[in-house]
């Protein structure tokens, strides 16, 4: 069960990261009309925080989890 939750979390996190990478290219940052009605609008900062923030947070959490896993694997090895 824990492994399934980890895989689902990883897939969702990778989706959010991809969305965060693509979002600045999808909207025209010089034209407020393209993002005015989006979540976080009407300001550009709000739109980027709402659309890119979860991807950045996911990247940080995935990196922390992978680092912990690597440290745990290193300490379990017999020498």
C-alpha atoms as a PDB file:
ATOM      1  CA  UNK A   1       0.000   0.000   0.000  1.00  0.00           C
ATOM      2  CA  UNK A   2       2.811   2.384   0.872  1.00  0.00           C
ATOM      3  CA  UNK A   3       4.579   1.670  -2.403  1.00  0.00           C
ATOM      4  CA  UNK A   4       1.386   2.371  -4.369  1.00  0.00           C
ATOM      5  CA  UNK A   5       0.940   5.700  -2.568  1.00  0.00           C
ATOM      6  CA  UNK A   6       4.561   6.584  -3.332  1.00  0.00           C
ATOM      7  CA  UNK A   7       4.137   5.828  -7.033  1.00  0.00           C
ATOM      8  CA  UNK A   8       0.901   7.817  -7.252  1.00  0.00           C
ATOM      9  CA  UNK A   9       2.523  10.714  -5.384  1.00  0.00           C
ATOM     10  CA  UNK A  10       5.498  10.626  -7.732  1.00  0.00           C
ATOM     11  CA  UNK A  11       3.286  10.660 -10.832  1.00  0.00           C
ATOM     12  CA  UNK A  12       1.196  13.564  -9.522  1.00  0.00           C
ATOM     13  CA  UNK A  13       4.353  15.429  -8.498  1.00  0.00           C
ATOM     14  CA  UNK A  14       5.931  14.983 -11.927  1.00  0.00           C
ATOM     15  CA  UNK A  15       2.714  16.234 -13.551  1.00  0.00           C
ATOM     16  CA  UNK A  16       2.748  19.351 -11.363  1.00  0.00           C
ATOM     17  CA  UNK A  17       6.415  19.945 -12.185  1.00  0.00           C
ATOM     18  CA  UNK A  18       5.738  19.653 -15.923  1.00  0.00           C
ATOM     19  CA  UNK A  19       2.819  22.041 -15.587  1.00  0.00           C
ATOM     20  CA  UNK A  20       5.033  24.535 -13.740  1.00  0.00           C
ATOM     21  CA  UNK A  21       7.619  24.384 -16.523  1.00  0.00           C
ATOM     22  CA  UNK A  22       5.053  24.830 -19.309  1.00  0.00           C
ATOM     23  CA  UNK A  23       2.857  27.523 -17.710  1.00  0.00           C
ATOM     24  CA  UNK A  24       5.084  30.554 -18.420  1.00  0.00           C
ATOM     25  CA  UNK A  25       5.165  29.583 -22.099  1.00  0.00           C
ATOM     26  CA  UNK A  26       1.397  29.054 -22.344  1.00  0.00           C
ATOM     27  CA  UNK A  27       0.399  32.520 -21.143  1.00  0.00           C
ATOM     28  CA  UNK A  28       1.500  35.764 -22.730  1.00  0.00           C
ATOM     29  CA  UNK A  29       3.147  37.491 -19.792  1.00  0.00           C
ATOM     30  CA  UNK A  30       3.078  40.863 -21.557  1.00  0.00           C
ATOM     31  CA  UNK A  31      -0.714  40.768 -22.095  1.00  0.00           C
ATOM     32  CA  UNK A  32      -2.749  40.727 -18.848  1.00  0.00           C
ATOM     33  CA  UNK A  33      -5.880  39.737 -20.784  1.00  0.00           C
ATOM     34  CA  UNK A  34      -4.463  36.222 -21.294  1.00  0.00           C
ATOM     35  CA  UNK A  35      -4.253  35.466 -17.558  1.00  0.00           C
ATOM     36  CA  UNK A  36      -6.708  37.913 -15.967  1.00  0.00           C
ATOM     37  CA  UNK A  37      -9.421  35.278 -15.409  1.00  0.00           C
ATOM     38  CA  UNK A  38      -7.084  32.436 -14.433  1.00  0.00           C
ATOM     39  CA  UNK A  39      -6.798  31.207 -10.849  1.00  0.00           C
ATOM     40  CA  UNK A  40      -4.611  33.627  -8.960  1.00  0.00           C
ATOM     41  CA  UNK A  41      -5.423  36.468 -11.374  1.00  0.00           C
ATOM     42  CA  UNK A  42      -5.616  39.255 -12.224  1.00  0.00           C
ATOM     43  CA  UNK A  43      -1.943  39.726 -11.245  1.00  0.00           C
ATOM     44  CA  UNK A  44       0.848  37.836 -13.007  1.00  0.00           C
ATOM     45  CA  UNK A  45       2.526  37.009  -9.700  1.00  0.00           C
ATOM     46  CA  UNK A  46      -0.657  35.420  -8.369  1.00  0.00           C
ATOM     47  CA  UNK A  47      -1.167  33.344 -11.516  1.00  0.00           C
ATOM     48  CA  UNK A  48       2.429  32.090 -11.449  1.00  0.00           C
ATOM     49  CA  UNK A  49       2.224  31.287  -7.735  1.00  0.00           C
ATOM     50  CA  UNK A  50      -0.977  29.280  -8.159  1.00  0.00           C
ATOM     51  CA  UNK A  51       0.101  27.441 -11.301  1.00  0.00           C
ATOM     52  CA  UNK A  52       3.849  27.024 -10.698  1.00  0.00           C
ATOM     53  CA  UNK A  53       3.995  26.912  -6.884  1.00  0.00           C
ATOM     54  CA  UNK A  54       2.744  23.322  -6.510  1.00  0.00           C
ATOM     55  CA  UNK A  55       5.279  22.156  -9.108  1.00  0.00           C
ATOM     56  CA  UNK A  56       8.154  23.805  -7.267  1.00  0.00           C
ATOM     57  CA  UNK A  57       6.948  22.350  -3.969  1.00  0.00           C
ATOM     58  CA  UNK A  58       6.634  18.904  -5.573  1.00  0.00           C
ATOM     59  CA  UNK A  59      10.169  19.123  -6.900  1.00  0.00           C
ATOM     60  CA  UNK A  60      11.496  19.967  -3.458  1.00  0.00           C
ATOM     61  CA  UNK A  61       9.549  17.144  -1.786  1.00  0.00           C
ATOM     62  CA  UNK A  62      10.645  14.588  -4.409  1.00  0.00           C
ATOM     63  CA  UNK A  63      14.277  15.657  -4.031  1.00  0.00           C
ATOM     64  CA  UNK A  64      14.075  15.346  -0.229  1.00  0.00           C
ATOM     65  CA  UNK A  65      12.453  11.908  -0.469  1.00  0.00           C
ATOM     66  CA  UNK A  66      15.062  10.648  -2.925  1.00  0.00           C
ATOM     67  CA  UNK A  67      17.884  11.970  -0.756  1.00  0.00           C
ATOM     68  CA  UNK A  68      16.466  10.289   2.353  1.00  0.00           C
ATOM     69  CA  UNK A  69      16.075   7.039   0.443  1.00  0.00           C
ATOM     70  CA  UNK A  70      19.667   7.215  -0.740  1.00  0.00           C
ATOM     71  CA  UNK A  71      20.987   7.921   2.761  1.00  0.00           C
ATOM     72  CA  UNK A  72      18.933   5.059   4.210  1.00  0.00           C
ATOM     73  CA  UNK A  73      20.196   2.648   1.560  1.00  0.00           C
ATOM     74  CA  UNK A  74      23.783   3.690   2.243  1.00  0.00           C
ATOM     75  CA  UNK A  75      23.497   3.120   5.997  1.00  0.00           C
ATOM     76  CA  UNK A  76      21.890  -0.329   5.636  1.00  0.00           C
ATOM     77  CA  UNK A  77      24.733  -1.815   3.589  1.00  0.00           C
ATOM     78  CA  UNK A  78      27.021  -4.183   5.473  1.00  0.00           C
ATOM     79  CA  UNK A  79      30.658  -3.180   5.268  1.00  0.00           C
END
